[in-house]
PDB file of N, CA and C in Angstrom:
ATOM      1  N   MET A   1     101.909  38.443 144.169  1.00  0.00           N
ATOM      2  CA  MET A   1     103.089  38.337 145.077  1.00  0.00           C
ATOM      3  C   MET A   1     102.607  37.472 146.251  1.00  0.00           C
ATOM      4  N   ASP A   2     103.439  36.663 146.643  1.00  0.00           N
ATOM      5  CA  ASP A   2     103.307  35.642 147.820  1.00  0.00           C
ATOM      6  C   ASP A   2     103.224  36.496 149.047  1.00  0.00           C
ATOM      7  N   LYS A   3     102.383  36.007 149.991  1.00  0.00           N
ATOM      8  CA  LYS A   3     102.158  36.842 151.261  1.00  0.00           C
ATOM      9  C   LYS A   3     103.484  36.825 152.027  1.00  0.00           C
ATOM     10  N   PHE A   4     104.191  35.605 151.982  1.00  0.00           N
ATOM     11  CA  PHE A   4     105.500  35.732 152.697  1.00  0.00           C
ATOM     12  C   PHE A   4     106.503  36.640 152.200  1.00  0.00           C
ATOM     13  N   GLU A   5     106.505  36.825 150.778  1.00  0.00           N
ATOM     14  CA  GLU A   5     107.459  37.727 150.174  1.00  0.00           C
ATOM     15  C   GLU A   5     107.156  39.063 150.572  1.00  0.00           C
ATOM     16  N   ASP A   6     105.713  39.496 150.536  1.00  0.00           N
ATOM     17  CA  ASP A   6     105.216  40.697 150.746  1.00  0.00           C
ATOM     18  C   ASP A   6     105.655  41.070 152.266  1.00  0.00           C
ATOM     19  N   ALA A   7     105.456  40.204 153.219  1.00  0.00           N
ATOM     20  CA  ALA A   7     105.783  40.360 154.566  1.00  0.00           C
ATOM     21  C   ALA A   7     107.348  40.606 154.749  1.00  0.00           C
ATOM     22  N   PHE A   8     108.235  39.903 154.005  1.00  0.00           N
ATOM     23  CA  PHE A   8     109.538  40.041 154.036  1.00  0.00           C
ATOM     24  C   PHE A   8     110.012  41.318 153.583  1.00  0.00           C
ATOM     25  N   LYS A   9     109.334  41.842 152.476  1.00  0.00           N
ATOM     26  CA  LYS A   9     109.728  43.188 152.087  1.00  0.00           C
ATOM     27  C   LYS A   9     109.314  44.243 152.961  1.00  0.00           C
ATOM     28  N   LYS A  10     108.297  44.167 153.656  1.00  0.00           N
ATOM     29  CA  LYS A  10     107.808  45.216 154.625  1.00  0.00           C
ATOM     30  C   LYS A  10     108.856  45.252 155.869  1.00  0.00           C
ATOM     31  N   ILE A  11     109.088  43.954 156.268  1.00  0.00           N
ATOM     32  CA  ILE A  11     109.871  43.854 157.476  1.00  0.00           C
ATOM     33  C   ILE A  11     111.372  44.366 157.151  1.00  0.00           C
ATOM     34  N   SER A  12     111.810  44.159 155.893  1.00  0.00           N
ATOM     35  CA  SER A  12     113.129  44.521 155.655  1.00  0.00           C
ATOM     36  C   SER A  12     113.476  46.109 155.778  1.00  0.00           C
ATOM     37  N   LYS A  13     112.269  46.876 155.580  1.00  0.00           N
ATOM     38  CA  LYS A  13     112.311  48.299 155.662  1.00  0.00           C
ATOM     39  C   LYS A  13     112.454  48.843 157.115  1.00  0.00           C
ATOM     40  N   VAL A  14     112.200  48.069 158.086  1.00  0.00           N
ATOM     41  CA  VAL A  14     112.171  48.427 159.393  1.00  0.00           C
ATOM     42  C   VAL A  14     113.627  48.386 159.956  1.00  0.00           C
ATOM     43  N   ASN A  15     114.078  49.426 160.598  1.00  0.00           N
ATOM     44  CA  ASN A  15     115.580  49.402 161.192  1.00  0.00           C
ATOM     45  C   ASN A  15     115.606  48.528 162.252  1.00  0.00           C
ATOM     46  N   LEU A  16     116.923  48.089 162.619  1.00  0.00           N
ATOM     47  CA  LEU A  16     117.182  46.928 163.399  1.00  0.00           C
ATOM     48  C   LEU A  16     116.589  47.362 164.868  1.00  0.00           C
ATOM     49  N   ALA A  17     116.736  48.455 165.310  1.00  0.00           N
ATOM     50  CA  ALA A  17     116.346  48.842 166.655  1.00  0.00           C
ATOM     51  C   ALA A  17     114.762  48.695 166.786  1.00  0.00           C
ATOM     52  N   THR A  18     114.053  49.185 165.846  1.00  0.00           N
ATOM     53  CA  THR A  18     112.596  49.151 165.815  1.00  0.00           C
ATOM     54  C   THR A  18     112.154  47.560 165.587  1.00  0.00           C
ATOM     55  N   HIS A  19     112.942  46.908 164.768  1.00  0.00           N
ATOM     56  CA  HIS A  19     112.686  45.504 164.496  1.00  0.00           C
ATOM     57  C   HIS A  19     112.781  44.725 165.786  1.00  0.00           C
ATOM     58  N   ILE A  20     113.892  45.040 166.560  1.00  0.00           N
ATOM     59  CA  ILE A  20     114.074  44.136 167.790  1.00  0.00           C
ATOM     60  C   ILE A  20     112.926  44.545 168.794  1.00  0.00           C
ATOM     61  N   GLU A  21     112.464  45.965 168.725  1.00  0.00           N
ATOM     62  CA  GLU A  21     111.400  46.335 169.576  1.00  0.00           C
ATOM     63  C   GLU A  21     110.149  45.470 169.276  1.00  0.00           C
ATOM     64  N   LEU A  22     109.853  45.439 168.063  1.00  0.00           N
ATOM     65  CA  LEU A  22     108.496  44.855 167.399  1.00  0.00           C
ATOM     66  C   LEU A  22     108.523  43.450 167.605  1.00  0.00           C
ATOM     67  N   TRP A  23     109.712  42.809 167.206  1.00  0.00           N
ATOM     68  CA  TRP A  23     109.701  41.327 166.990  1.00  0.00           C
ATOM     69  C   TRP A  23     110.513  40.538 168.099  1.00  0.00           C
ATOM     70  N   GLY A  24     111.333  41.344 168.891  1.00  0.00           N
ATOM     71  CA  GLY A  24     112.046  40.635 169.873  1.00  0.00           C
ATOM     72  C   GLY A  24     113.445  40.135 169.475  1.00  0.00           C
ATOM     73  N   GLU A  25     113.544  39.873 168.334  1.00  0.00           N
ATOM     74  CA  GLU A  25     114.900  39.301 167.800  1.00  0.00           C
ATOM     75  C   GLU A  25     114.999  39.404 166.304  1.00  0.00           C
ATOM     76  N   PRO A  26     116.167  39.720 165.776  1.00  0.00           N
ATOM     77  CA  PRO A  26     116.491  39.979 164.367  1.00  0.00           C
ATOM     78  C   PRO A  26     116.293  38.652 163.594  1.00  0.00           C
ATOM     79  N   LYS A  27     116.090  37.475 164.066  1.00  0.00           N
ATOM     80  CA  LYS A  27     116.097  36.267 163.357  1.00  0.00           C
ATOM     81  C   LYS A  27     114.832  36.186 162.690  1.00  0.00           C
ATOM     82  N   THR A  28     113.691  36.769 163.072  1.00  0.00           N
ATOM     83  CA  THR A  28     112.385  36.709 162.540  1.00  0.00           C
ATOM     84  C   THR A  28     112.387  36.992 161.108  1.00  0.00           C
ATOM     85  N   GLU A  29     113.169  37.918 160.644  1.00  0.00           N
ATOM     86  CA  GLU A  29     113.219  38.128 159.144  1.00  0.00           C
ATOM     87  C   GLU A  29     113.602  36.925 158.426  1.00  0.00           C
ATOM     88  N   LYS A  30     114.636  36.370 158.898  1.00  0.00           N
ATOM     89  CA  LYS A  30     115.051  35.044 158.138  1.00  0.00           C
ATOM     90  C   LYS A  30     114.072  34.028 158.251  1.00  0.00           C
ATOM     91  N   LEU A  31     113.309  33.901 159.259  1.00  0.00           N
ATOM     92  CA  LEU A  31     112.226  32.869 159.441  1.00  0.00           C
ATOM     93  C   LEU A  31     111.128  33.273 158.388  1.00  0.00           C
ATOM     94  N   TYR A  32     110.717  34.468 158.082  1.00  0.00           N
ATOM     95  CA  TYR A  32     109.788  34.769 157.095  1.00  0.00           C
ATOM     96  C   TYR A  32     110.301  34.447 155.778  1.00  0.00           C
ATOM     97  N   PHE A  33     111.550  34.628 155.515  1.00  0.00           N
ATOM     98  CA  PHE A  33     112.130  34.399 154.219  1.00  0.00           C
ATOM     99  C   PHE A  33     112.148  32.864 154.005  1.00  0.00           C
ATOM    100  N   GLU A  34     112.482  32.123 154.979  1.00  0.00           N
ATOM    101  CA  GLU A  34     112.538  30.676 154.715  1.00  0.00           C
ATOM    102  C   GLU A  34     111.093  30.084 154.661  1.00  0.00           C
ATOM    103  N   ALA A  35     110.116  30.723 155.430  1.00  0.00           N
ATOM    104  CA  ALA A  35     108.656  30.312 155.211  1.00  0.00           C
ATOM    105  C   ALA A  35     108.262  30.612 153.779  1.00  0.00           C
ATOM    106  N   GLY A  36     108.685  31.575 153.248  1.00  0.00           N
ATOM    107  CA  GLY A  36     108.309  32.057 151.813  1.00  0.00           C
ATOM    108  C   GLY A  36     108.963  31.011 150.958  1.00  0.00           C
ATOM    109  N   GLN A  37     110.240  30.760 151.175  1.00  0.00           N
ATOM    110  CA  GLN A  37     110.919  29.663 150.264  1.00  0.00           C
ATOM    111  C   GLN A  37     110.216  28.343 150.351  1.00  0.00           C
ATOM    112  N   GLN A  38     109.835  27.928 151.558  1.00  0.00           N
ATOM    113  CA  GLN A  38     109.173  26.607 151.660  1.00  0.00           C
ATOM    114  C   GLN A  38     107.854  26.739 150.949  1.00  0.00           C
ATOM    115  N   SER A  39     107.045  27.941 151.028  1.00  0.00           N
ATOM    116  CA  SER A  39     105.857  27.892 150.292  1.00  0.00           C
ATOM    117  C   SER A  39     106.079  27.785 148.673  1.00  0.00           C
ATOM    118  N   ARG A  40     107.105  28.475 148.292  1.00  0.00           N
ATOM    119  CA  ARG A  40     107.311  28.347 146.930  1.00  0.00           C
ATOM    120  C   ARG A  40     107.807  26.997 146.433  1.00  0.00           C
ATOM    121  N   GLN A  41     108.664  26.333 147.363  1.00  0.00           N
ATOM    122  CA  GLN A  41     108.947  24.941 146.983  1.00  0.00           C
ATOM    123  C   GLN A  41     107.796  24.019 146.927  1.00  0.00           C
ATOM    124  N   ALA A  42     106.860  24.215 147.809  1.00  0.00           N
ATOM    125  CA  ALA A  42     105.699  23.362 147.888  1.00  0.00           C
ATOM    126  C   ALA A  42     104.863  23.593 146.553  1.00  0.00           C
ATOM    127  N   GLU A  43     104.699  24.693 146.083  1.00  0.00           N
ATOM    128  CA  GLU A  43     104.138  25.061 144.904  1.00  0.00           C
ATOM    129  C   GLU A  43     104.772  24.305 143.609  1.00  0.00           C
ATOM    130  N   ILE A  44     106.182  24.410 143.719  1.00  0.00           N
ATOM    131  CA  ILE A  44     107.004  23.774 142.609  1.00  0.00           C
ATOM    132  C   ILE A  44     106.801  22.348 142.762  1.00  0.00           C
ATOM    133  N   ASN A  45     106.818  21.668 143.700  1.00  0.00           N
ATOM    134  CA  ASN A  45     106.609  20.250 144.059  1.00  0.00           C
ATOM    135  C   ASN A  45     105.362  19.845 143.474  1.00  0.00           C
ATOM    136  N   GLN A  46     104.205  20.633 143.806  1.00  0.00           N
ATOM    137  CA  GLN A  46     102.850  20.338 143.356  1.00  0.00           C
ATOM    138  C   GLN A  46     102.782  20.408 141.804  1.00  0.00           C
ATOM    139  N   LEU A  47     103.342  21.440 141.231  1.00  0.00           N
ATOM    140  CA  LEU A  47     103.406  21.478 139.720  1.00  0.00           C
ATOM    141  C   LEU A  47     104.110  20.336 139.080  1.00  0.00           C
ATOM    142  N   GLN A  48     105.250  19.969 139.719  1.00  0.00           N
ATOM    143  CA  GLN A  48     105.998  18.869 139.184  1.00  0.00           C
ATOM    144  C   GLN A  48     105.251  17.683 139.199  1.00  0.00           C
ATOM    145  N   SER A  49     104.567  17.365 140.289  1.00  0.00           N
ATOM    146  CA  SER A  49     103.706  16.138 140.274  1.00  0.00           C
ATOM    147  C   SER A  49     102.495  16.137 139.198  1.00  0.00           C
ATOM    148  N   GLN A  50     102.021  17.381 139.104  1.00  0.00           N
ATOM    149  CA  GLN A  50     101.024  17.405 137.916  1.00  0.00           C
ATOM    150  C   GLN A  50     101.484  17.183 136.647  1.00  0.00           C
ATOM    151  N   ILE A  51     102.763  17.658 136.334  1.00  0.00           N
ATOM    152  CA  ILE A  51     103.541  17.421 135.062  1.00  0.00           C
ATOM    153  C   ILE A  51     103.626  15.911 134.955  1.00  0.00           C
ATOM    154  N   ASN A  52     104.118  15.253 135.930  1.00  0.00           N
ATOM    155  CA  ASN A  52     104.475  13.895 135.930  1.00  0.00           C
ATOM    156  C   ASN A  52     103.251  13.075 135.683  1.00  0.00           C
ATOM    157  N   GLU A  53     101.908  13.428 136.326  1.00  0.00           N
ATOM    158  CA  GLU A  53     100.663  12.713 136.177  1.00  0.00           C
ATOM    159  C   GLU A  53     100.359  12.977 134.588  1.00  0.00           C
ATOM    160  N   MET A  54     100.378  14.046 134.061  1.00  0.00           N
ATOM    161  CA  MET A  54     100.030  14.395 132.733  1.00  0.00           C
ATOM    162  C   MET A  54     100.785  13.617 131.797  1.00  0.00           C
ATOM    163  N   ALA A  55     102.223  13.432 132.012  1.00  0.00           N
ATOM    164  CA  ALA A  55     102.968  12.714 131.158  1.00  0.00           C
ATOM    165  C   ALA A  55     102.580  11.164 131.122  1.00  0.00           C
ATOM    166  N   GLU A  56     102.287  10.601 132.424  1.00  0.00           N
ATOM    167  CA  GLU A  56     101.751   9.245 132.497  1.00  0.00           C
ATOM    168  C   GLU A  56     100.530   9.036 131.718  1.00  0.00           C
ATOM    169  N   VAL A  57      99.640   9.953 131.778  1.00  0.00           N
ATOM    170  CA  VAL A  57      98.248   9.885 131.140  1.00  0.00           C
ATOM    171  C   VAL A  57      98.619   9.873 129.652  1.00  0.00           C
ATOM    172  N   GLY A  58      99.431  10.691 129.081  1.00  0.00           N
ATOM    173  CA  GLY A  58      99.787  10.856 127.712  1.00  0.00           C
ATOM    174  C   GLY A  58     100.405   9.626 127.241  1.00  0.00           C
ATOM    175  N   LEU A  59     101.306   8.908 128.070  1.00  0.00           N
ATOM    176  CA  LEU A  59     101.990   7.706 127.584  1.00  0.00           C
ATOM    177  C   LEU A  59     100.939   6.645 127.422  1.00  0.00           C
ATOM    178  N   SER A  60     100.012   6.428 128.385  1.00  0.00           N
ATOM    179  CA  SER A  60      98.977   5.515 128.429  1.00  0.00           C
ATOM    180  C   SER A  60      98.065   5.613 127.205  1.00  0.00           C
ATOM    181  N   GLN A  61      97.680   6.844 126.870  1.00  0.00           N
ATOM    182  CA  GLN A  61      96.866   7.063 125.743  1.00  0.00           C
ATOM    183  C   GLN A  61      97.498   6.767 124.454  1.00  0.00           C
ATOM    184  N   GLU A  62      98.882   7.186 124.467  1.00  0.00           N
ATOM    185  CA  GLU A  62      99.662   6.763 123.096  1.00  0.00           C
ATOM    186  C   GLU A  62      99.655   5.398 122.997  1.00  0.00           C
ATOM    187  N   SER A  63      99.741   4.472 123.852  1.00  0.00           N
ATOM    188  CA  SER A  63      99.822   3.024 123.677  1.00  0.00           C
ATOM    189  C   SER A  63      98.524   2.532 123.408  1.00  0.00           C
ATOM    190  N   VAL A  64      97.356   3.155 123.768  1.00  0.00           N
ATOM    191  CA  VAL A  64      95.986   2.754 123.371  1.00  0.00           C
ATOM    192  C   VAL A  64      95.829   3.169 121.816  1.00  0.00           C
ATOM    193  N   ILE A  65      96.191   4.320 121.477  1.00  0.00           N
ATOM    194  CA  ILE A  65      96.115   4.802 120.090  1.00  0.00           C
ATOM    195  C   ILE A  65      96.984   3.817 119.245  1.00  0.00           C
ATOM    196  N   LYS A  66      98.138   3.361 119.612  1.00  0.00           N
ATOM    197  CA  LYS A  66      99.025   2.513 118.763  1.00  0.00           C
ATOM    198  C   LYS A  66      98.276   1.064 118.543  1.00  0.00           C
ATOM    199  N   GLU A  67      97.637   0.662 119.655  1.00  0.00           N
ATOM    200  CA  GLU A  67      96.989  -0.662 119.558  1.00  0.00           C
ATOM    201  C   GLU A  67      95.794  -0.582 118.619  1.00  0.00           C
ATOM    202  N   LYS A  68      95.165   0.606 118.690  1.00  0.00           N
ATOM    203  CA  LYS A  68      93.909   0.800 117.801  1.00  0.00           C
ATOM    204  C   LYS A  68      94.434   0.946 116.333  1.00  0.00           C
ATOM    205  N   ASP A  69      95.627   1.571 116.072  1.00  0.00           N
ATOM    206  CA  ASP A  69      96.274   1.678 114.799  1.00  0.00           C
ATOM    207  C   ASP A  69      96.556   0.296 114.196  1.00  0.00           C
ATOM    208  N   LYS A  70      97.175  -0.675 115.125  1.00  0.00           N
ATOM    209  CA  LYS A  70      97.451  -1.973 114.674  1.00  0.00           C
ATOM    210  C   LYS A  70      96.205  -2.603 114.206  1.00  0.00           C
ATOM    211  N   GLY A  71      95.140  -2.527 114.973  1.00  0.00           N
ATOM    212  CA  GLY A  71      93.860  -3.151 114.587  1.00  0.00           C
ATOM    213  C   GLY A  71      93.363  -2.594 113.090  1.00  0.00           C
ATOM    214  N   ILE A  72      93.450  -1.290 112.919  1.00  0.00           N
ATOM    215  CA  ILE A  72      92.968  -0.740 111.810  1.00  0.00           C
ATOM    216  C   ILE A  72      93.920  -1.184 110.549  1.00  0.00           C
ATOM    217  N   GLU A  73      95.204  -1.254 110.778  1.00  0.00           N
ATOM    218  CA  GLU A  73      96.064  -1.762 109.715  1.00  0.00           C
ATOM    219  C   GLU A  73      95.849  -3.122 109.303  1.00  0.00           C
ATOM    220  N   SER A  74      95.349  -3.937 110.426  1.00  0.00           N
ATOM    221  CA  SER A  74      95.216  -5.424 110.178  1.00  0.00           C
ATOM    222  C   SER A  74      93.927  -5.484 109.350  1.00  0.00           C
ATOM    223  N   ALA A  75      92.920  -4.736 109.699  1.00  0.00           N
ATOM    224  CA  ALA A  75      91.524  -4.733 109.016  1.00  0.00           C
ATOM    225  C   ALA A  75      91.764  -4.327 107.530  1.00  0.00           C
ATOM    226  N   LEU A  76      92.526  -3.270 107.280  1.00  0.00           N
ATOM    227  CA  LEU A  76      92.871  -2.858 106.023  1.00  0.00           C
ATOM    228  C   LEU A  76      93.615  -3.875 105.227  1.00  0.00           C
ATOM    229  N   TYR A  77      94.509  -4.638 105.756  1.00  0.00           N
ATOM    230  CA  TYR A  77      95.234  -5.717 105.150  1.00  0.00           C
ATOM    231  C   TYR A  77      94.113  -6.785 104.661  1.00  0.00           C
ATOM    232  N   ALA A  78      93.279  -7.065 105.589  1.00  0.00           N
ATOM    233  CA  ALA A  78      92.255  -8.063 105.332  1.00  0.00           C
ATOM    234  C   ALA A  78      91.344  -7.664 104.187  1.00  0.00           C
ATOM    235  N   LEU A  79      91.022  -6.522 104.188  1.00  0.00           N
ATOM    236  CA  LEU A  79      90.106  -5.816 103.109  1.00  0.00           C
ATOM    237  C   LEU A  79      90.851  -5.958 101.735  1.00  0.00           C
ATOM    238  N   LYS A  80      92.084  -5.771 101.692  1.00  0.00           N
ATOM    239  CA  LYS A  80      92.888  -5.997 100.469  1.00  0.00           C
ATOM    240  C   LYS A  80      92.750  -7.344  99.893  1.00  0.00           C
ATOM    241  N   GLY A  81      93.029  -8.410 100.811  1.00  0.00           N
ATOM    242  CA  GLY A  81      92.663  -9.678 100.366  1.00  0.00           C
ATOM    243  C   GLY A  81      91.276  -9.965  99.866  1.00  0.00           C
ATOM    244  N   LEU A  82      90.230  -9.461 100.550  1.00  0.00           N
ATOM    245  CA  LEU A  82      88.785  -9.712 100.096  1.00  0.00           C
ATOM    246  C   LEU A  82      88.707  -8.960  98.770  1.00  0.00           C
ATOM    247  N   LYS A  83      89.168  -7.767  98.584  1.00  0.00           N
ATOM    248  CA  LYS A  83      89.151  -7.052  97.269  1.00  0.00           C
ATOM    249  C   LYS A  83      89.675  -7.934  96.139  1.00  0.00           C
ATOM    250  N   ALA A  84      90.864  -8.502  96.383  1.00  0.00           N
ATOM    251  CA  ALA A  84      91.502  -9.244  95.353  1.00  0.00           C
ATOM    252  C   ALA A  84      90.639 -10.473  95.079  1.00  0.00           C
ATOM    253  N   GLU A  85      90.282 -11.020  96.185  1.00  0.00           N
ATOM    254  CA  GLU A  85      89.350 -12.281  95.930  1.00  0.00           C
ATOM    255  C   GLU A  85      88.149 -11.984  95.132  1.00  0.00           C
ATOM    256  N   ASN A  86      87.498 -10.766  95.498  1.00  0.00           N
ATOM    257  CA  ASN A  86      86.347 -10.426  94.855  1.00  0.00           C
ATOM    258  C   ASN A  86      86.388 -10.014  93.463  1.00  0.00           C
ATOM    259  N   ASP A  87      87.637  -9.508  93.026  1.00  0.00           N
ATOM    260  CA  ASP A  87      87.917  -9.194  91.636  1.00  0.00           C
ATOM    261  C   ASP A  87      87.827 -10.471  90.841  1.00  0.00           C
ATOM    262  N   LEU A  88      88.255 -11.642  91.390  1.00  0.00           N
ATOM    263  CA  LEU A  88      88.099 -12.922  90.588  1.00  0.00           C
ATOM    264  C   LEU A  88      86.665 -13.227  90.446  1.00  0.00           C
ATOM    265  N   TRP A  89      85.696 -12.895  91.322  1.00  0.00           N
ATOM    266  CA  TRP A  89      84.278 -13.388  91.217  1.00  0.00           C
ATOM    267  C   TRP A  89      83.436 -12.241  90.627  1.00  0.00           C
ATOM    268  N   GLY A  90      83.953 -10.933  90.590  1.00  0.00           N
ATOM    269  CA  GLY A  90      83.207  -9.911  90.008  1.00  0.00           C
ATOM    270  C   GLY A  90      81.814  -9.482  90.656  1.00  0.00           C
ATOM    271  N   CYS A  91      81.855  -9.311  91.953  1.00  0.00           N
ATOM    272  CA  CYS A  91      80.598  -9.076  92.542  1.00  0.00           C
ATOM    273  C   CYS A  91      80.645  -7.480  93.066  1.00  0.00           C
ATOM    274  N   ASP A  92      79.713  -6.734  92.310  1.00  0.00           N
ATOM    275  CA  ASP A  92      79.910  -5.273  92.518  1.00  0.00           C
ATOM    276  C   ASP A  92      79.473  -4.874  94.005  1.00  0.00           C
ATOM    277  N   GLN A  93      78.549  -5.358  94.474  1.00  0.00           N
ATOM    278  CA  GLN A  93      77.993  -4.937  95.822  1.00  0.00           C
ATOM    279  C   GLN A  93      79.036  -5.294  96.837  1.00  0.00           C
ATOM    280  N   VAL A  94      79.580  -6.368  96.762  1.00  0.00           N
ATOM    281  CA  VAL A  94      80.649  -6.665  97.812  1.00  0.00           C
ATOM    282  C   VAL A  94      81.818  -5.586  97.706  1.00  0.00           C
ATOM    283  N   GLU A  95      82.127  -5.285  96.518  1.00  0.00           N
ATOM    284  CA  GLU A  95      83.186  -4.208  96.047  1.00  0.00           C
ATOM    285  C   GLU A  95      82.821  -2.913  96.773  1.00  0.00           C
ATOM    286  N   ALA A  96      81.595  -2.660  96.501  1.00  0.00           N
ATOM    287  CA  ALA A  96      81.166  -1.321  97.178  1.00  0.00           C
ATOM    288  C   ALA A  96      81.264  -1.375  98.650  1.00  0.00           C
ATOM    289  N   GLN A  97      80.754  -2.416  99.380  1.00  0.00           N
ATOM    290  CA  GLN A  97      80.943  -2.459 100.759  1.00  0.00           C
ATOM    291  C   GLN A  97      82.245  -2.429 101.298  1.00  0.00           C
ATOM    292  N   ILE A  98      83.145  -3.071 100.484  1.00  0.00           N
ATOM    293  CA  ILE A  98      84.679  -3.055 100.957  1.00  0.00           C
ATOM    294  C   ILE A  98      85.092  -1.718 100.820  1.00  0.00           C
ATOM    295  N   ASP A  99      84.755  -0.945  99.799  1.00  0.00           N
ATOM    296  CA  ASP A  99      85.047   0.507  99.672  1.00  0.00           C
ATOM    297  C   ASP A  99      84.756   1.398 100.798  1.00  0.00           C
ATOM    298  N   VAL A 100      83.367   1.203 101.254  1.00  0.00           N
ATOM    299  CA  VAL A 100      82.983   1.867 102.394  1.00  0.00           C
ATOM    300  C   VAL A 100      83.630   1.580 103.598  1.00  0.00           C
ATOM    301  N   LEU A 101      83.968   0.310 103.933  1.00  0.00           N
ATOM    302  CA  LEU A 101      84.692  -0.182 105.111  1.00  0.00           C
ATOM    303  C   LEU A 101      86.131   0.505 105.036  1.00  0.00           C
ATOM    304  N   GLU A 102      86.683   0.460 103.955  1.00  0.00           N
ATOM    305  CA  GLU A 102      88.084   0.890 103.874  1.00  0.00           C
ATOM    306  C   GLU A 102      88.185   2.403 104.045  1.00  0.00           C
ATOM    307  N   LYS A 103      87.206   3.216 103.580  1.00  0.00           N
ATOM    308  CA  LYS A 103      87.182   4.483 103.737  1.00  0.00           C
ATOM    309  C   LYS A 103      86.850   4.906 105.263  1.00  0.00           C
ATOM    310  N   ALA A 104      85.938   4.141 105.831  1.00  0.00           N
ATOM    311  CA  ALA A 104      85.652   4.321 107.223  1.00  0.00           C
ATOM    312  C   ALA A 104      86.898   3.982 108.135  1.00  0.00           C
ATOM    313  N   LEU A 105      87.646   3.047 107.878  1.00  0.00           N
ATOM    314  CA  LEU A 105      88.819   2.614 108.638  1.00  0.00           C
ATOM    315  C   LEU A 105      89.921   3.744 108.504  1.00  0.00           C
ATOM    316  N   ARG A 106      89.891   4.337 107.229  1.00  0.00           N
ATOM    317  CA  ARG A 106      90.973   5.495 107.087  1.00  0.00           C
ATOM    318  C   ARG A 106      90.437   6.921 107.495  1.00  0.00           C
ATOM    319  N   GLY A 107      89.253   6.981 108.158  1.00  0.00           N
ATOM    320  CA  GLY A 107      88.799   8.214 108.678  1.00  0.00           C
ATOM    321  C   GLY A 107      87.938   8.956 107.871  1.00  0.00           C
ATOM    322  N   GLY A 108      87.492   8.384 106.631  1.00  0.00           N
ATOM    323  CA  GLY A 108      86.465   8.986 105.882  1.00  0.00           C
ATOM    324  C   GLY A 108      85.140   8.733 106.296  1.00  0.00           C
ATOM    325  N   HIS A 109      84.206   9.130 105.678  1.00  0.00           N
ATOM    326  CA  HIS A 109      82.710   8.961 105.934  1.00  0.00           C
ATOM    327  C   HIS A 109      82.166   8.120 104.804  1.00  0.00           C
ATOM    328  N   GLY A 110      81.222   7.030 105.182  1.00  0.00           N
ATOM    329  CA  GLY A 110      80.710   6.270 104.151  1.00  0.00           C
ATOM    330  C   GLY A 110      79.565   6.858 103.508  1.00  0.00           C
TER     331      GLY A 110
END
């Protein structure tokens, strides 16, 4: 429970005559309530800014991932060409290396 909310609940239980004796005026209760509301709004604003920052980071990371994916797709396309060319010449070692590279680019282990 927020300290302002706690204070507000305690003050609300005091009758008006005692309240005026203790605090001097009945408006103090409203001031506590407003201070509590401002405290909550500050928390909300802070959380909202954290959410916005997290969204920005996520978007920037997404664009980096997309760029890397484009590079991988380009490399895989080039490997297909090499594989087709290699089939003409029949060199087994090059074929094996192309397979290792292709597997690595797709996320497997060589």
